[in-house]
Amino acid sequence: MSTNQKQYVVFRIDKDEYGSDINKVTVIERMLTITRVPKTPPYIKGVINLRGDVIPVMDLRTRFGLPEKEADDDTRIIIVEVDNISYGIIVDSVLEVIQLDETSIESVSGFVNNVSLDYVSGIAKSDTRLITLLNLEKLISELVTV
């Protein structure tokens, strides 16, 4: 792999494809039992017990303003690590791990001038697909400060 390529985990939320730097992903799990935590925002679904660790879980559908969807066989929880702390992110399905060349990633700063969207780090072009790349640190830091 050349130095200007990175690997991304590609997942689907509704009809859209999103990607996350594979170096932030520790494990991908099937849907687990989530314990609700009172007085948290609607997109914080609660916590899970993953091999003895209690991990907060966020639903990206709800976070992005999409209607909730019942979990099915494709639903996954992507466990990511930010600043040595694990967090779970619920997605509709995980599609693949893809290698992207930096030249195939467009900046969003030109057409996204909304501070609340600063967790989008770019748009990747892969053949005929467009994949929205997420900056998990920004998304999670927003979660932590809630």
Protein backbone atom coordinates (compact mmCIF):
# COMPACT_ATOMS: atom_id res chain seq x y z
CA MET A 1 0.00 0.00 0.00
CA SER A 2 1.52 3.32 -1.03
CA THR A 3 1.85 6.15 1.45
CA ASN A 4 -0.94 8.20 -0.13
CA GLN A 5 -3.54 5.44 0.33
CA LYS A 6 -5.65 4.81 3.42
CA GLN A 7 -8.08 2.09 4.33
CA TYR A 8 -11.66 2.89 5.31
CA VAL A 9 -14.50 0.83 6.70
CA VAL A 10 -17.50 1.58 4.47
CA PHE A 11 -20.97 1.35 5.99
CA ARG A 12 -24.50 2.26 5.03
CA ILE A 13 -26.99 4.49 6.80
CA ASP A 14 -30.30 4.61 4.95
CA LYS A 15 -29.33 4.82 1.25
CA ASP A 16 -26.03 6.63 1.80
CA GLU A 17 -22.53 5.22 2.14
CA TYR A 18 -20.12 6.50 4.77
CA GLY A 19 -16.51 5.69 5.51
CA SER A 20 -14.33 5.79 8.59
CA ASP A 21 -10.57 5.47 8.93
CA ILE A 22 -9.94 1.81 9.70
CA ASN A 23 -7.26 2.77 12.24
CA LYS A 24 -9.99 4.13 14.54
CA VAL A 25 -12.12 0.96 14.35
CA THR A 26 -11.33 -1.74 16.91
CA VAL A 27 -14.11 -4.25 16.20
CA ILE A 28 -17.45 -4.59 14.40
CA GLU A 29 -20.19 -6.37 16.36
CA ARG A 30 -23.67 -7.65 15.61
CA MET A 31 -26.42 -5.79 17.44
CA LEU A 32 -26.20 -6.28 21.21
CA THR A 33 -28.57 -5.56 24.08
CA ILE A 34 -28.41 -1.84 24.84
CA THR A 35 -29.19 -0.50 28.30
CA ARG A 36 -30.83 2.92 28.13
CA VAL A 37 -29.26 5.76 30.12
CA PRO A 38 -31.75 8.37 31.39
CA LYS A 39 -31.53 12.03 30.34
CA THR A 40 -29.29 11.45 27.32
CA PRO A 41 -30.02 12.86 23.85
CA PRO A 42 -32.23 10.65 21.62
CA TYR A 43 -29.27 9.60 19.46
CA ILE A 44 -27.45 8.17 22.51
CA LYS A 45 -29.06 4.74 22.68
CA GLY A 46 -27.39 3.78 25.96
CA VAL A 47 -24.53 1.49 26.87
CA ILE A 48 -23.48 -2.06 26.03
CA ASN A 49 -21.40 -4.57 27.94
CA LEU A 50 -18.74 -5.75 25.51
CA ARG A 51 -16.49 -8.40 27.05
CA GLY A 52 -16.68 -6.68 30.44
CA ASP A 53 -16.31 -3.10 29.17
CA VAL A 54 -19.22 -0.68 29.37
CA ILE A 55 -19.33 1.24 26.10
CA PRO A 56 -21.64 4.17 25.22
CA VAL A 57 -23.52 3.69 21.95
CA MET A 58 -24.72 6.33 19.47
CA ASP A 59 -27.22 5.70 16.66
CA LEU A 60 -25.97 7.47 13.54
CA ARG A 61 -29.43 7.34 11.86
CA THR A 62 -30.94 9.35 14.71
CA ARG A 63 -27.85 11.58 14.93
CA PHE A 64 -28.22 12.47 11.24
CA GLY A 65 -31.94 13.24 11.63
CA LEU A 66 -33.20 10.11 9.90
CA PRO A 67 -36.15 8.09 11.18
CA GLU A 68 -35.31 5.23 13.53
CA LYS A 69 -35.16 1.76 12.04
CA GLU A 70 -35.69 -1.55 13.77
CA ALA A 71 -32.42 -3.49 14.05
CA ASP A 72 -32.15 -6.41 11.61
CA ASP A 73 -29.57 -9.04 10.61
CA ASP A 74 -27.46 -6.39 8.84
CA THR A 75 -27.38 -3.88 11.71
CA ARG A 76 -23.92 -3.52 13.23
CA ILE A 77 -22.25 -1.66 16.07
CA ILE A 78 -18.86 -0.33 15.01
CA ILE A 79 -16.62 0.02 18.04
CA VAL A 80 -14.19 2.91 17.63
CA GLU A 81 -11.46 4.15 19.91
CA VAL A 82 -10.84 7.85 20.40
CA ASP A 83 -8.34 9.06 23.01
CA ASN A 84 -8.12 5.53 24.47
CA ILE A 85 -11.87 5.39 25.11
CA SER A 86 -14.17 3.04 23.19
CA TYR A 87 -17.51 4.13 21.73
CA GLY A 88 -20.13 2.24 19.75
CA ILE A 89 -21.78 3.57 16.61
CA ILE A 90 -24.91 1.84 15.26
CA VAL A 91 -25.05 1.60 11.45
CA ASP A 92 -27.55 -0.08 9.11
CA SER A 93 -24.89 -2.36 7.61
CA VAL A 94 -21.16 -2.66 7.06
CA LEU A 95 -20.29 -3.07 3.38
CA GLU A 96 -16.53 -3.47 2.99
CA VAL A 97 -13.04 -2.26 3.74
CA ILE A 98 -11.77 -0.13 0.87
CA GLN A 99 -8.43 1.45 0.00
CA LEU A 100 -8.69 5.03 -1.16
CA ASP A 101 -6.02 7.17 -2.74
CA GLU A 102 -5.83 10.68 -1.28
CA THR A 103 -6.35 12.10 -4.78
CA SER A 104 -9.83 10.51 -4.88
CA ILE A 105 -10.95 12.44 -1.78
CA GLU A 106 -12.55 15.86 -2.23
CA SER A 107 -12.67 18.44 0.53
CA VAL A 108 -16.13 19.51 1.66
CA SER A 109 -15.08 22.95 2.87
CA GLY A 110 -16.21 24.53 -0.40
CA PHE A 111 -19.81 23.44 -0.16
CA VAL A 112 -20.33 22.64 3.50
CA ASN A 113 -20.13 25.87 5.43
CA ASN A 114 -21.97 24.58 8.45
CA VAL A 115 -20.02 24.13 11.68
CA SER A 116 -22.36 21.31 12.72
CA LEU A 117 -21.13 19.31 9.72
CA ASP A 118 -17.44 19.58 10.57
CA TYR A 119 -17.44 15.86 11.34
CA VAL A 120 -17.48 15.25 7.56
CA SER A 121 -13.83 15.09 6.54
CA GLY A 122 -14.35 14.61 2.81
CA ILE A 123 -16.16 12.89 -0.04
CA ALA A 124 -14.41 9.93 -1.67
CA LYS A 125 -14.98 8.92 -5.27
CA SER A 126 -14.72 5.18 -5.88
CA ASP A 127 -15.76 4.20 -9.41
CA THR A 128 -19.33 5.56 -9.65
CA ARG A 129 -19.86 5.72 -5.87
CA LEU A 130 -19.59 8.68 -3.55
CA ILE A 131 -18.64 7.85 0.04
CA THR A 132 -18.94 10.47 2.79
CA LEU A 133 -15.88 10.19 5.03
CA LEU A 134 -16.55 10.90 8.70
CA ASN A 135 -14.16 12.42 11.19
CA LEU A 136 -14.96 10.19 14.15
CA GLU A 137 -12.97 12.31 16.60
CA LYS A 138 -15.27 15.29 15.90
CA LEU A 139 -18.40 13.14 16.02
CA ILE A 140 -17.34 11.49 19.29
CA SER A 141 -16.07 14.70 20.92
CA GLU A 142 -19.53 16.13 20.31
CA LEU A 143 -20.93 13.04 22.03
CA VAL A 144 -18.63 13.46 25.02
CA THR A 145 -19.47 17.13 25.57
CA VAL A 146 -23.23 16.54 25.60
